[in-house]
C-alpha atoms as a PDB file:
ATOM      1  CA  MET A   1      87.050  98.171  73.672  1.00  0.00           C
ATOM      2  CA  ALA A   2      88.848 100.535  71.300  1.00  0.00           C
ATOM      3  CA  GLU A   3      90.146 103.902  72.422  1.00  0.00           C
ATOM      4  CA  LEU A   4      91.330 106.896  70.450  1.00  0.00           C
ATOM      5  CA  LYS A   5      95.089 106.875  69.915  1.00  0.00           C
ATOM      6  CA  ILE A   6      96.958 109.794  71.459  1.00  0.00           C
ATOM      7  CA  LYS A   7     100.421 110.954  70.450  1.00  0.00           C
ATOM      8  CA  ASP A   8     102.153 114.022  71.879  1.00  0.00           C
ATOM      9  CA  GLY A   9      98.912 115.084  73.578  1.00  0.00           C
ATOM     10  CA  ASP A  10      96.748 114.980  70.436  1.00  0.00           C
ATOM     11  CA  TYR A  11      94.526 112.414  68.790  1.00  0.00           C
ATOM     12  CA  VAL A  12      96.136 110.693  65.809  1.00  0.00           C
ATOM     13  CA  SER A  13      94.361 111.325  62.503  1.00  0.00           C
ATOM     14  CA  ASP A  14      93.639 108.450  60.156  1.00  0.00           C
ATOM     15  CA  GLY A  15      94.171 110.783  57.191  1.00  0.00           C
ATOM     16  CA  VAL A  16      90.547 110.747  56.017  1.00  0.00           C
ATOM     17  CA  GLY A  17      88.832 112.896  58.640  1.00  0.00           C
ATOM     18  CA  GLY A  18      88.699 110.339  61.425  1.00  0.00           C
ATOM     19  CA  ALA A  19      90.952 109.200  64.205  1.00  0.00           C
ATOM     20  CA  VAL A  20      93.080 106.102  64.735  1.00  0.00           C
ATOM     21  CA  HIS A  21      91.868 103.695  67.407  1.00  0.00           C
ATOM     22  CA  VAL A  22      93.871 101.347  69.626  1.00  0.00           C
ATOM     23  CA  LYS A  23      92.675  98.348  71.590  1.00  0.00           C
ATOM     24  CA  GLY A  24      93.932  95.565  73.784  1.00  0.00           C
ATOM     25  CA  ARG A  25      97.525  95.808  74.980  1.00  0.00           C
ATOM     26  CA  ASP A  26      98.174  99.097  73.143  1.00  0.00           C
ATOM     27  CA  ALA A  27      95.119 100.737  74.713  1.00  0.00           C
ATOM     28  CA  LEU A  28      96.191  99.544  78.168  1.00  0.00           C
ATOM     29  CA  LEU A  29      99.726 100.886  77.743  1.00  0.00           C
ATOM     30  CA  GLN A  30      98.357 104.213  76.512  1.00  0.00           C
ATOM     31  CA  ARG A  31      96.074 104.475  79.578  1.00  0.00           C
ATOM     32  CA  VAL A  32      98.935 103.566  81.919  1.00  0.00           C
ATOM     33  CA  LEU A  33     101.222 106.217  80.456  1.00  0.00           C
ATOM     34  CA  PHE A  34      98.448 108.797  80.591  1.00  0.00           C
ATOM     35  CA  LYS A  35      97.643 108.037  84.233  1.00  0.00           C
ATOM     36  CA  LEU A  36     101.298 108.139  85.249  1.00  0.00           C
ATOM     37  CA  THR A  37     102.044 111.443  83.488  1.00  0.00           C
ATOM     38  CA  ALA A  38      98.816 113.325  84.262  1.00  0.00           C
ATOM     39  CA  ARG A  39      98.962 115.402  87.435  1.00  0.00           C
ATOM     40  CA  ARG A  40      96.679 113.976  90.104  1.00  0.00           C
ATOM     41  CA  GLY A  41      94.045 116.572  90.985  1.00  0.00           C
ATOM     42  CA  GLY A  42      94.458 118.337  87.643  1.00  0.00           C
ATOM     43  CA  PHE A  43      91.000 117.320  86.380  1.00  0.00           C
ATOM     44  CA  PRO A  44      88.239 119.030  88.403  1.00  0.00           C
ATOM     45  CA  PHE A  45      85.654 116.276  88.000  1.00  0.00           C
ATOM     46  CA  LEU A  46      88.145 113.387  88.056  1.00  0.00           C
ATOM     47  CA  GLU A  47      90.189 114.299  91.113  1.00  0.00           C
ATOM     48  CA  ASN A  48      91.615 110.768  91.514  1.00  0.00           C
ATOM     49  CA  LEU A  49      92.922 110.594  87.942  1.00  0.00           C
ATOM     50  CA  GLY A  50      96.668 110.895  87.486  1.00  0.00           C
ATOM     51  CA  SER A  51      99.707 110.531  89.691  1.00  0.00           C
ATOM     52  CA  THR A  52     101.865 112.516  92.076  1.00  0.00           C
ATOM     53  CA  LEU A  53     105.074 111.575  90.247  1.00  0.00           C
ATOM     54  CA  HIS A  54     105.525 115.216  89.223  1.00  0.00           C
ATOM     55  CA  ALA A  55     106.148 116.059  92.909  1.00  0.00           C
ATOM     56  CA  LEU A  56     109.047 113.625  93.429  1.00  0.00           C
ATOM     57  CA  GLY A  57     111.505 116.524  93.268  1.00  0.00           C
ATOM     58  CA  ASN A  58     110.069 117.747  96.574  1.00  0.00           C
ATOM     59  CA  VAL A  59     110.749 114.411  98.282  1.00  0.00           C
ATOM     60  CA  PRO A  60     114.113 113.723  99.966  1.00  0.00           C
ATOM     61  CA  VAL A  61     116.317 111.532  97.763  1.00  0.00           C
ATOM     62  CA  SER A  62     116.309 108.733 100.347  1.00  0.00           C
ATOM     63  CA  GLN A  63     112.500 108.501 100.112  1.00  0.00           C
ATOM     64  CA  ARG A  64     111.963 108.940  96.357  1.00  0.00           C
ATOM     65  CA  GLN A  65     111.953 105.241  95.455  1.00  0.00           C
ATOM     66  CA  SER A  66     109.222 104.528  97.986  1.00  0.00           C
ATOM     67  CA  ALA A  67     107.262 107.644  96.994  1.00  0.00           C
ATOM     68  CA  ALA A  68     107.478 106.676  93.308  1.00  0.00           C
ATOM     69  CA  ALA A  69     106.180 103.180  94.023  1.00  0.00           C
ATOM     70  CA  THR A  70     103.298 104.579  96.068  1.00  0.00           C
ATOM     71  CA  ALA A  71     102.427 107.096  93.330  1.00  0.00           C
ATOM     72  CA  VAL A  72     102.407 104.396  90.634  1.00  0.00           C
ATOM     73  CA  VAL A  73     100.225 102.008  92.637  1.00  0.00           C
ATOM     74  CA  GLN A  74      97.820 104.826  93.495  1.00  0.00           C
ATOM     75  CA  ALA A  75      97.569 106.061  89.888  1.00  0.00           C
ATOM     76  CA  LEU A  76      96.859 102.587  88.488  1.00  0.00           C
ATOM     77  CA  ALA A  77      94.612 101.295  91.280  1.00  0.00           C
ATOM     78  CA  ASP A  78      91.446 101.433  89.156  1.00  0.00           C
ATOM     79  CA  GLU A  79      92.866  99.305  86.313  1.00  0.00           C
ATOM     80  CA  GLU A  80      91.241  95.884  86.640  1.00  0.00           C
ATOM     81  CA  ASP A  81      93.490  92.839  86.185  1.00  0.00           C
ATOM     82  CA  LEU A  82      96.620  95.017  86.347  1.00  0.00           C
ATOM     83  CA  GLN A  83      99.213  94.435  89.037  1.00  0.00           C
ATOM     84  CA  VAL A  84     102.268  96.575  89.685  1.00  0.00           C
ATOM     85  CA  GLU A  85     105.126  94.083  90.027  1.00  0.00           C
ATOM     86  CA  GLN A  86     108.094  96.434  90.374  1.00  0.00           C
ATOM     87  CA  VAL A  87     108.877 100.146  90.324  1.00  0.00           C
ATOM     88  CA  GLU A  88     112.464 101.271  89.827  1.00  0.00           C
ATOM     89  CA  LEU A  89     113.592 104.876  89.932  1.00  0.00           C
ATOM     90  CA  ASP A  90     117.063 105.611  88.581  1.00  0.00           C
ATOM     91  CA  GLY A  91     117.662 109.349  88.674  1.00  0.00           C
ATOM     92  CA  ASP A  92     114.793 110.753  86.618  1.00  0.00           C
ATOM     93  CA  ARG A  93     114.163 107.474  84.750  1.00  0.00           C
ATOM     94  CA  LEU A  94     111.205 105.447  86.017  1.00  0.00           C
ATOM     95  CA  THR A  95     110.691 101.828  84.985  1.00  0.00           C
ATOM     96  CA  VAL A  96     107.453 100.097  85.928  1.00  0.00           C
ATOM     97  CA  ARG A  97     106.972  96.356  85.506  1.00  0.00           C
ATOM     98  CA  LEU A  98     103.313  95.379  85.290  1.00  0.00           C
ATOM     99  CA  LYS A  99     101.375  92.179  84.894  1.00  0.00           C
ATOM    100  CA  ASN A 100      98.015  92.073  83.116  1.00  0.00           C
ATOM    101  CA  LYS A 101      96.203  88.742  82.883  1.00  0.00           C
ATOM    102  CA  GLY A 102      99.521  86.891  83.076  1.00  0.00           C
ATOM    103  CA  GLU A 103     101.271  89.073  80.475  1.00  0.00           C
ATOM    104  CA  GLU A 104     104.247  91.127  81.639  1.00  0.00           C
ATOM    105  CA  LEU A 105     104.459  94.727  80.469  1.00  0.00           C
ATOM    106  CA  ASP A 106     107.236  97.258  81.009  1.00  0.00           C
ATOM    107  CA  VAL A 107     106.695 100.992  80.919  1.00  0.00           C
ATOM    108  CA  GLN A 108     109.483 103.564  81.040  1.00  0.00           C
ATOM    109  CA  LEU A 109     109.199 107.298  81.411  1.00  0.00           C
ATOM    110  CA  THR A 110     111.150 110.307  82.527  1.00  0.00           C
ATOM    111  CA  VAL A 111     110.043 111.933  85.771  1.00  0.00           C
ATOM    112  CA  ARG A 112     110.784 115.640  86.176  1.00  0.00           C
END
């Protein structure tokens, strides 16, 4: 299934009045990034959408790695065929290693 491509919070125009679509691996990666960066509870009718990664600053440093892993697993729980293999937090840099139908995917983002 194709999804609308999002860049910097906006849909990407195709230059002729429409929007660019993504599918497959690119659509999955876009959904993953959206779910990890959206604030959980920030959508009134989709209260389970998003993550709690934004709140890591309130967690003691000794517990942040575990809290980050929990937040990632929780945010991506509804993605069929997607497994979280590893979550690594290095300062404010989060690296997530995923597996989707046997294919390994890495996602990196900054957590503030």
